[in-house]
PDB file of all heavy atoms in Angstrom:
ATOM      1  N   ARG A   1     104.434  75.488 228.681  1.00  0.00           N
ATOM      2  CA  ARG A   1     104.733  74.949 230.019  1.00  0.00           C
ATOM      3  C   ARG A   1     104.961  76.074 231.016  1.00  0.00           C
ATOM      4  O   ARG A   1     104.479  76.027 232.136  1.00  0.00           O
ATOM      5  CB  ARG A   1     105.959  74.038 229.969  1.00  0.00           C
ATOM      6  CG  ARG A   1     105.761  72.713 229.255  1.00  0.00           C
ATOM      7  CD  ARG A   1     104.841  71.755 230.026  1.00  0.00           C
ATOM      8  NE  ARG A   1     105.176  71.634 231.426  1.00  0.00           N
ATOM      9  CZ  ARG A   1     106.193  70.930 231.926  1.00  0.00           C
ATOM     10  NH1 ARG A   1     106.968  70.244 231.138  1.00  0.00           N
ATOM     11  NH2 ARG A   1     106.406  70.898 233.232  1.00  0.00           N
ATOM     12  N   ILE A   2     105.705  77.100 230.602  1.00  0.00           N
ATOM     13  CA  ILE A   2     105.969  78.229 231.492  1.00  0.00           C
ATOM     14  C   ILE A   2     104.672  78.980 231.784  1.00  0.00           C
ATOM     15  O   ILE A   2     104.381  79.323 232.934  1.00  0.00           O
ATOM     16  CB  ILE A   2     107.042  79.159 230.904  1.00  0.00           C
ATOM     17  CG1 ILE A   2     108.392  78.437 230.901  1.00  0.00           C
ATOM     18  CG2 ILE A   2     107.130  80.469 231.686  1.00  0.00           C
ATOM     19  CD1 ILE A   2     109.485  79.154 230.129  1.00  0.00           C
ATOM     20  N   ALA A   3     103.876  79.225 230.750  1.00  0.00           N
ATOM     21  CA  ALA A   3     102.600  79.917 230.943  1.00  0.00           C
ATOM     22  C   ALA A   3     101.674  79.113 231.851  1.00  0.00           C
ATOM     23  O   ALA A   3     101.028  79.675 232.746  1.00  0.00           O
ATOM     24  CB  ALA A   3     101.929  80.176 229.597  1.00  0.00           C
ATOM     25  N   ASP A   4     101.617  77.797 231.648  1.00  0.00           N
ATOM     26  CA  ASP A   4     100.790  76.935 232.502  1.00  0.00           C
ATOM     27  C   ASP A   4     101.277  76.970 233.946  1.00  0.00           C
ATOM     28  O   ASP A   4     100.480  77.040 234.875  1.00  0.00           O
ATOM     29  CB  ASP A   4     100.781  75.494 231.990  1.00  0.00           C
ATOM     30  CG  ASP A   4      99.978  75.309 230.712  1.00  0.00           C
ATOM     31  OD1 ASP A   4      99.190  76.221 230.363  1.00  0.00           O
ATOM     32  OD2 ASP A   4     100.144  74.260 230.056  1.00  0.00           O
ATOM     33  N   ALA A   5     102.595  76.903 234.107  1.00  0.00           N
ATOM     34  CA  ALA A   5     103.158  76.944 235.462  1.00  0.00           C
ATOM     35  C   ALA A   5     102.866  78.293 236.122  1.00  0.00           C
ATOM     36  O   ALA A   5     102.452  78.339 237.285  1.00  0.00           O
ATOM     37  CB  ALA A   5     104.655  76.676 235.418  1.00  0.00           C
ATOM     38  N   LEU A   6     103.070  79.380 235.393  1.00  0.00           N
ATOM     39  CA  LEU A   6     102.779  80.713 235.944  1.00  0.00           C
ATOM     40  C   LEU A   6     101.311  80.841 236.328  1.00  0.00           C
ATOM     41  O   LEU A   6     100.982  81.457 237.339  1.00  0.00           O
ATOM     42  CB  LEU A   6     103.140  81.805 234.943  1.00  0.00           C
ATOM     43  CG  LEU A   6     104.548  82.369 235.011  1.00  0.00           C
ATOM     44  CD1 LEU A   6     104.826  83.297 233.842  1.00  0.00           C
ATOM     45  CD2 LEU A   6     104.817  83.074 236.318  1.00  0.00           C
ATOM     46  N   ALA A   7     100.432  80.239 235.525  1.00  0.00           N
ATOM     47  CA  ALA A   7      98.997  80.315 235.806  1.00  0.00           C
ATOM     48  C   ALA A   7      98.632  79.588 237.101  1.00  0.00           C
ATOM     49  O   ALA A   7      97.627  79.908 237.734  1.00  0.00           O
ATOM     50  CB  ALA A   7      98.201  79.734 234.646  1.00  0.00           C
ATOM     51  N   GLN A   8      99.467  78.625 237.519  1.00  0.00           N
ATOM     52  CA  GLN A   8      99.198  77.866 238.737  1.00  0.00           C
ATOM     53  C   GLN A   8      99.725  78.567 239.991  1.00  0.00           C
ATOM     54  O   GLN A   8      99.387  78.178 241.102  1.00  0.00           O
ATOM     55  CB  GLN A   8      99.816  76.473 238.632  1.00  0.00           C
ATOM     56  CG  GLN A   8      99.141  75.624 237.563  1.00  0.00           C
ATOM     57  CD  GLN A   8      99.806  74.265 237.433  1.00  0.00           C
ATOM     58  OE1 GLN A   8      99.954  73.562 238.417  1.00  0.00           O
ATOM     59  NE2 GLN A   8     100.203  73.923 236.225  1.00  0.00           N
ATOM     60  N   VAL A   9     100.535  79.586 239.784  1.00  0.00           N
ATOM     61  CA  VAL A   9     101.073  80.348 240.910  1.00  0.00           C
ATOM     62  C   VAL A   9      99.995  81.335 241.359  1.00  0.00           C
ATOM     63  O   VAL A   9      99.375  81.991 240.521  1.00  0.00           O
ATOM     64  CB  VAL A   9     102.370  81.088 240.476  1.00  0.00           C
ATOM     65  CG1 VAL A   9     102.870  82.002 241.570  1.00  0.00           C
ATOM     66  CG2 VAL A   9     103.441  80.078 240.065  1.00  0.00           C
ATOM     67  N   PRO A  10      99.745  81.438 242.660  1.00  0.00           N
ATOM     68  CA  PRO A  10      98.717  82.392 243.130  1.00  0.00           C
ATOM     69  C   PRO A  10      98.961  83.800 242.580  1.00  0.00           C
ATOM     70  O   PRO A  10     100.112  84.225 242.419  1.00  0.00           O
ATOM     71  CB  PRO A  10      98.881  82.350 244.661  1.00  0.00           C
ATOM     72  CG  PRO A  10      99.456  80.983 244.936  1.00  0.00           C
ATOM     73  CD  PRO A  10     100.353  80.693 243.766  1.00  0.00           C
ATOM     74  N   ASP A  11      97.873  84.518 242.321  1.00  0.00           N
ATOM     75  CA  ASP A  11      97.939  85.835 241.682  1.00  0.00           C
ATOM     76  C   ASP A  11      98.940  86.779 242.339  1.00  0.00           C
ATOM     77  O   ASP A  11      99.716  87.438 241.654  1.00  0.00           O
ATOM     78  CB  ASP A  11      96.561  86.510 241.675  1.00  0.00           C
ATOM     79  CG  ASP A  11      95.585  85.854 240.714  1.00  0.00           C
ATOM     80  OD1 ASP A  11      96.009  85.011 239.906  1.00  0.00           O
ATOM     81  OD2 ASP A  11      94.392  86.206 240.777  1.00  0.00           O
ATOM     82  N   ALA A  12      98.921  86.874 243.643  1.00  0.00           N
ATOM     83  CA  ALA A  12      99.810  87.817 244.344  1.00  0.00           C
ATOM     84  C   ALA A  12     101.268  87.471 244.098  1.00  0.00           C
ATOM     85  O   ALA A  12     102.094  88.356 243.841  1.00  0.00           O
ATOM     86  CB  ALA A  12      99.511  87.824 245.840  1.00  0.00           C
ATOM     87  N   TYR A  13     101.615  86.180 244.166  1.00  0.00           N
ATOM     88  CA  TYR A  13     103.000  85.754 243.932  1.00  0.00           C
ATOM     89  C   TYR A  13     103.379  85.974 242.468  1.00  0.00           C
ATOM     90  O   TYR A  13     104.476  86.413 242.159  1.00  0.00           O
ATOM     91  CB  TYR A  13     103.198  84.276 244.262  1.00  0.00           C
ATOM     92  CG  TYR A  13     102.936  83.893 245.700  1.00  0.00           C
ATOM     93  CD1 TYR A  13     102.813  82.557 246.050  1.00  0.00           C
ATOM     94  CD2 TYR A  13     102.795  84.829 246.718  1.00  0.00           C
ATOM     95  CE1 TYR A  13     102.581  82.165 247.358  1.00  0.00           C
ATOM     96  CE2 TYR A  13     102.550  84.453 248.032  1.00  0.00           C
ATOM     97  CZ  TYR A  13     102.457  83.115 248.338  1.00  0.00           C
ATOM     98  OH  TYR A  13     102.220  82.734 249.632  1.00  0.00           O
ATOM     99  N   ARG A  14     102.441  85.628 241.563  1.00  0.00           N
ATOM    100  CA  ARG A  14     102.711  85.769 240.138  1.00  0.00           C
ATOM    101  C   ARG A  14     102.962  87.222 239.772  1.00  0.00           C
ATOM    102  O   ARG A  14     103.917  87.545 239.066  1.00  0.00           O
ATOM    103  CB  ARG A  14     101.563  85.199 239.301  1.00  0.00           C
ATOM    104  CG  ARG A  14     101.813  85.324 237.795  1.00  0.00           C
ATOM    105  CD  ARG A  14     100.759  84.665 236.926  1.00  0.00           C
ATOM    106  NE  ARG A  14      99.425  85.125 237.201  1.00  0.00           N
ATOM    107  CZ  ARG A  14      98.440  84.350 237.653  1.00  0.00           C
ATOM    108  NH1 ARG A  14      98.630  83.077 237.882  1.00  0.00           N
ATOM    109  NH2 ARG A  14      97.243  84.857 237.870  1.00  0.00           N
ATOM    110  N   ALA A  15     102.122  88.126 240.248  1.00  0.00           N
ATOM    111  CA  ALA A  15     102.279  89.544 239.917  1.00  0.00           C
ATOM    112  C   ALA A  15     103.620  90.071 240.412  1.00  0.00           C
ATOM    113  O   ALA A  15     104.316  90.791 239.689  1.00  0.00           O
ATOM    114  CB  ALA A  15     101.138  90.354 240.517  1.00  0.00           C
ATOM    115  N   THR A  16     104.008  89.702 241.608  1.00  0.00           N
ATOM    116  CA  THR A  16     105.286  90.144 242.162  1.00  0.00           C
ATOM    117  C   THR A  16     106.442  89.568 241.362  1.00  0.00           C
ATOM    118  O   THR A  16     107.392  90.275 241.004  1.00  0.00           O
ATOM    119  CB  THR A  16     105.389  89.727 243.647  1.00  0.00           C
ATOM    120  OG1 THR A  16     104.256  90.246 244.349  1.00  0.00           O
ATOM    121  CG2 THR A  16     106.663  90.260 244.280  1.00  0.00           C
ATOM    122  N   PHE A  17     106.372  88.278 241.044  1.00  0.00           N
ATOM    123  CA  PHE A  17     107.410  87.605 240.269  1.00  0.00           C
ATOM    124  C   PHE A  17     107.543  88.228 238.877  1.00  0.00           C
ATOM    125  O   PHE A  17     108.652  88.487 238.401  1.00  0.00           O
ATOM    126  CB  PHE A  17     107.068  86.110 240.158  1.00  0.00           C
ATOM    127  CG  PHE A  17     108.053  85.312 239.363  1.00  0.00           C
ATOM    128  CD1 PHE A  17     109.230  84.873 239.943  1.00  0.00           C
ATOM    129  CD2 PHE A  17     107.810  84.992 238.038  1.00  0.00           C
ATOM    130  CE1 PHE A  17     110.154  84.125 239.205  1.00  0.00           C
ATOM    131  CE2 PHE A  17     108.714  84.258 237.297  1.00  0.00           C
ATOM    132  CZ  PHE A  17     109.892  83.815 237.886  1.00  0.00           C
ATOM    133  N   VAL A  18     106.424  88.494 238.234  1.00  0.00           N
ATOM    134  CA  VAL A  18     106.431  89.072 236.890  1.00  0.00           C
ATOM    135  C   VAL A  18     107.052  90.466 236.902  1.00  0.00           C
ATOM    136  O   VAL A  18     107.842  90.814 236.015  1.00  0.00           O
ATOM    137  CB  VAL A  18     105.003  89.091 236.290  1.00  0.00           C
ATOM    138  CG1 VAL A  18     104.912  89.990 235.077  1.00  0.00           C
ATOM    139  CG2 VAL A  18     104.571  87.670 235.929  1.00  0.00           C
ATOM    140  N   LEU A  19     106.721  91.265 237.896  1.00  0.00           N
ATOM    141  CA  LEU A  19     107.317  92.598 237.985  1.00  0.00           C
ATOM    142  C   LEU A  19     108.835  92.512 238.125  1.00  0.00           C
ATOM    143  O   LEU A  19     109.564  93.328 237.561  1.00  0.00           O
ATOM    144  CB  LEU A  19     106.723  93.380 239.159  1.00  0.00           C
ATOM    145  CG  LEU A  19     105.294  93.872 238.973  1.00  0.00           C
ATOM    146  CD1 LEU A  19     104.733  94.410 240.289  1.00  0.00           C
ATOM    147  CD2 LEU A  19     105.218  94.926 237.888  1.00  0.00           C
ATOM    148  N   ARG A  20     109.325  91.510 238.842  1.00  0.00           N
ATOM    149  CA  ARG A  20     110.770  91.360 239.034  1.00  0.00           C
ATOM    150  C   ARG A  20     111.436  90.812 237.782  1.00  0.00           C
ATOM    151  O   ARG A  20     112.409  91.372 237.283  1.00  0.00           O
ATOM    152  CB  ARG A  20     111.050  90.432 240.223  1.00  0.00           C
ATOM    153  CG  ARG A  20     112.508  90.145 240.440  1.00  0.00           C
ATOM    154  CD  ARG A  20     113.240  91.383 240.902  1.00  0.00           C
ATOM    155  NE  ARG A  20     114.655  91.094 241.027  1.00  0.00           N
ATOM    156  CZ  ARG A  20     115.604  91.930 240.693  1.00  0.00           C
ATOM    157  NH1 ARG A  20     115.304  93.128 240.258  1.00  0.00           N
ATOM    158  NH2 ARG A  20     116.850  91.595 240.819  1.00  0.00           N
ATOM    159  N   VAL A  21     110.925  89.715 237.261  1.00  0.00           N
ATOM    160  CA  VAL A  21     111.597  89.013 236.163  1.00  0.00           C
ATOM    161  C   VAL A  21     111.348  89.667 234.809  1.00  0.00           C
ATOM    162  O   VAL A  21     112.272  89.877 234.042  1.00  0.00           O
ATOM    163  CB  VAL A  21     111.177  87.526 236.140  1.00  0.00           C
ATOM    164  CG1 VAL A  21     111.740  86.814 234.927  1.00  0.00           C
ATOM    165  CG2 VAL A  21     111.634  86.839 237.420  1.00  0.00           C
ATOM    166  N   TYR A  22     110.111  89.995 234.518  1.00  0.00           N
ATOM    167  CA  TYR A  22     109.786  90.532 233.201  1.00  0.00           C
ATOM    168  C   TYR A  22     109.720  92.059 233.180  1.00  0.00           C
ATOM    169  O   TYR A  22     109.939  92.666 232.143  1.00  0.00           O
ATOM    170  CB  TYR A  22     108.468  89.933 232.690  1.00  0.00           C
ATOM    171  CG  TYR A  22     108.575  88.440 232.533  1.00  0.00           C
ATOM    172  CD1 TYR A  22     108.034  87.587 233.474  1.00  0.00           C
ATOM    173  CD2 TYR A  22     109.254  87.882 231.459  1.00  0.00           C
ATOM    174  CE1 TYR A  22     108.154  86.216 233.352  1.00  0.00           C
ATOM    175  CE2 TYR A  22     109.377  86.516 231.326  1.00  0.00           C
ATOM    176  CZ  TYR A  22     108.827  85.681 232.269  1.00  0.00           C
ATOM    177  OH  TYR A  22     108.950  84.324 232.148  1.00  0.00           O
ATOM    178  N   GLY A  23     109.404  92.663 234.317  1.00  0.00           N
ATOM    179  CA  GLY A  23     109.381  94.120 234.410  1.00  0.00           C
ATOM    180  C   GLY A  23     110.723  94.690 234.807  1.00  0.00           C
ATOM    181  O   GLY A  23     110.955  95.883 234.711  1.00  0.00           O
ATOM    182  N   ASP A  24     111.625  93.821 235.298  1.00  0.00           N
ATOM    183  CA  ASP A  24     112.983  94.205 235.692  1.00  0.00           C
ATOM    184  C   ASP A  24     112.970  95.297 236.755  1.00  0.00           C
ATOM    185  O   ASP A  24     113.824  96.181 236.765  1.00  0.00           O
ATOM    186  CB  ASP A  24     113.790  94.629 234.466  1.00  0.00           C
ATOM    187  CG  ASP A  24     115.287  94.614 234.731  1.00  0.00           C
ATOM    188  OD1 ASP A  24     115.734  93.789 235.552  1.00  0.00           O
ATOM    189  OD2 ASP A  24     116.000  95.439 234.132  1.00  0.00           O
ATOM    190  N   LEU A  25     112.008  95.249 237.661  1.00  0.00           N
ATOM    191  CA  LEU A  25     111.928  96.218 238.742  1.00  0.00           C
ATOM    192  C   LEU A  25     112.740  95.732 239.935  1.00  0.00           C
ATOM    193  O   LEU A  25     112.857  94.514 240.159  1.00  0.00           O
ATOM    194  CB  LEU A  25     110.481  96.421 239.193  1.00  0.00           C
ATOM    195  CG  LEU A  25     109.690  97.523 238.499  1.00  0.00           C
ATOM    196  CD1 LEU A  25     109.459  97.215 237.047  1.00  0.00           C
ATOM    197  CD2 LEU A  25     108.385  97.746 239.210  1.00  0.00           C
ATOM    198  N   SER A  26     113.270  96.650 240.691  1.00  0.00           N
ATOM    199  CA  SER A  26     113.980  96.298 241.924  1.00  0.00           C
ATOM    200  C   SER A  26     112.948  95.888 242.967  1.00  0.00           C
ATOM    201  O   SER A  26     111.759  96.177 242.845  1.00  0.00           O
ATOM    202  CB  SER A  26     114.783  97.494 242.428  1.00  0.00           C
ATOM    203  OG  SER A  26     113.900  98.496 242.914  1.00  0.00           O
ATOM    204  N   TYR A  27     113.417  95.232 244.028  1.00  0.00           N
ATOM    205  CA  TYR A  27     112.513  94.833 245.099  1.00  0.00           C
ATOM    206  C   TYR A  27     111.835  96.066 245.699  1.00  0.00           C
ATOM    207  O   TYR A  27     110.646  96.037 246.013  1.00  0.00           O
ATOM    208  CB  TYR A  27     113.272  94.074 246.181  1.00  0.00           C
ATOM    209  CG  TYR A  27     113.598  92.630 245.818  1.00  0.00           C
ATOM    210  CD1 TYR A  27     113.887  92.250 244.514  1.00  0.00           C
ATOM    211  CD2 TYR A  27     113.617  91.652 246.782  1.00  0.00           C
ATOM    212  CE1 TYR A  27     114.185  90.945 244.186  1.00  0.00           C
ATOM    213  CE2 TYR A  27     113.915  90.326 246.471  1.00  0.00           C
ATOM    214  CZ  TYR A  27     114.192  89.982 245.172  1.00  0.00           C
ATOM    215  OH  TYR A  27     114.470  88.685 244.857  1.00  0.00           O
ATOM    216  N   ALA A  28     112.595  97.148 245.868  1.00  0.00           N
ATOM    217  CA  ALA A  28     112.033  98.377 246.433  1.00  0.00           C
ATOM    218  C   ALA A  28     110.946  98.949 245.521  1.00  0.00           C
ATOM    219  O   ALA A  28     109.894  99.397 245.994  1.00  0.00           O
ATOM    220  CB  ALA A  28     113.132  99.411 246.662  1.00  0.00           C
ATOM    221  N   ASP A  29     111.182  98.925 244.218  1.00  0.00           N
ATOM    222  CA  ASP A  29     110.178  99.424 243.275  1.00  0.00           C
ATOM    223  C   ASP A  29     108.918  98.564 243.300  1.00  0.00           C
ATOM    224  O   ASP A  29     107.803  99.070 243.222  1.00  0.00           O
ATOM    225  CB  ASP A  29     110.743  99.482 241.854  1.00  0.00           C
ATOM    226  CG  ASP A  29     111.734 100.616 241.655  1.00  0.00           C
ATOM    227  OD1 ASP A  29     111.771 101.532 242.492  1.00  0.00           O
ATOM    228  OD2 ASP A  29     112.484 100.561 240.655  1.00  0.00           O
ATOM    229  N   ILE A  30     109.110  97.249 243.406  1.00  0.00           N
ATOM    230  CA  ILE A  30     107.953  96.347 243.468  1.00  0.00           C
ATOM    231  C   ILE A  30     107.140  96.630 244.725  1.00  0.00           C
ATOM    232  O   ILE A  30     105.906  96.688 244.677  1.00  0.00           O
ATOM    233  CB  ILE A  30     108.394  94.870 243.417  1.00  0.00           C
ATOM    234  CG1 ILE A  30     109.041  94.554 242.061  1.00  0.00           C
ATOM    235  CG2 ILE A  30     107.211  93.940 243.688  1.00  0.00           C
ATOM    236  CD1 ILE A  30     109.759  93.221 242.011  1.00  0.00           C
ATOM    237  N   ALA A  31     107.831  96.827 245.842  1.00  0.00           N
ATOM    238  CA  ALA A  31     107.131  97.143 247.093  1.00  0.00           C
ATOM    239  C   ALA A  31     106.296  98.409 246.920  1.00  0.00           C
ATOM    240  O   ALA A  31     105.142  98.474 247.358  1.00  0.00           O
ATOM    241  CB  ALA A  31     108.142  97.313 248.223  1.00  0.00           C
ATOM    242  N   GLU A  32     106.872  99.394 246.243  1.00  0.00           N
ATOM    243  CA  GLU A  32     106.153 100.645 246.006  1.00  0.00           C
ATOM    244  C   GLU A  32     104.978 100.449 245.057  1.00  0.00           C
ATOM    245  O   GLU A  32     103.873 100.931 245.303  1.00  0.00           O
ATOM    246  CB  GLU A  32     107.131 101.681 245.436  1.00  0.00           C
ATOM    247  CG  GLU A  32     106.554 103.057 245.323  1.00  0.00           C
ATOM    248  CD  GLU A  32     107.580 104.074 244.856  1.00  0.00           C
ATOM    249  OE1 GLU A  32     108.785 103.875 245.073  1.00  0.00           O
ATOM    250  OE2 GLU A  32     107.154 105.068 244.243  1.00  0.00           O
ATOM    251  N   VAL A  33     105.210  99.708 243.974  1.00  0.00           N
ATOM    252  CA  VAL A  33     104.159  99.461 242.981  1.00  0.00           C
ATOM    253  C   VAL A  33     102.977  98.739 243.607  1.00  0.00           C
ATOM    254  O   VAL A  33     101.823  99.078 243.362  1.00  0.00           O
ATOM    255  CB  VAL A  33     104.717  98.642 241.793  1.00  0.00           C
ATOM    256  CG1 VAL A  33     103.603  98.033 240.971  1.00  0.00           C
ATOM    257  CG2 VAL A  33     105.598  99.494 240.912  1.00  0.00           C
ATOM    258  N   GLN A  34     103.272  97.730 244.420  1.00  0.00           N
ATOM    259  CA  GLN A  34     102.198  96.914 244.970  1.00  0.00           C
ATOM    260  C   GLN A  34     101.697  97.401 246.327  1.00  0.00           C
ATOM    261  O   GLN A  34     100.719  96.870 246.849  1.00  0.00           O
ATOM    262  CB  GLN A  34     102.650  95.455 245.071  1.00  0.00           C
ATOM    263  CG  GLN A  34     102.859  94.835 243.706  1.00  0.00           C
ATOM    264  CD  GLN A  34     103.082  93.345 243.786  1.00  0.00           C
ATOM    265  OE1 GLN A  34     103.740  92.846 244.687  1.00  0.00           O
ATOM    266  NE2 GLN A  34     102.509  92.630 242.833  1.00  0.00           N
ATOM    267  N   GLY A  35     102.368  98.371 246.897  1.00  0.00           N
ATOM    268  CA  GLY A  35     101.950  98.890 248.188  1.00  0.00           C
ATOM    269  C   GLY A  35     102.133  97.881 249.314  1.00  0.00           C
ATOM    270  O   GLY A  35     101.293  97.781 250.212  1.00  0.00           O
TER     271      GLY A  35
END
């Protein structure tokens, strides 16, 4: 269910969310990673 739900989230939102929740990156680090 979680994987299906994540797959329905647009790529840009999903990548940012994954970096925060599963990558444990700070918002500043995510901004840097994604430019």
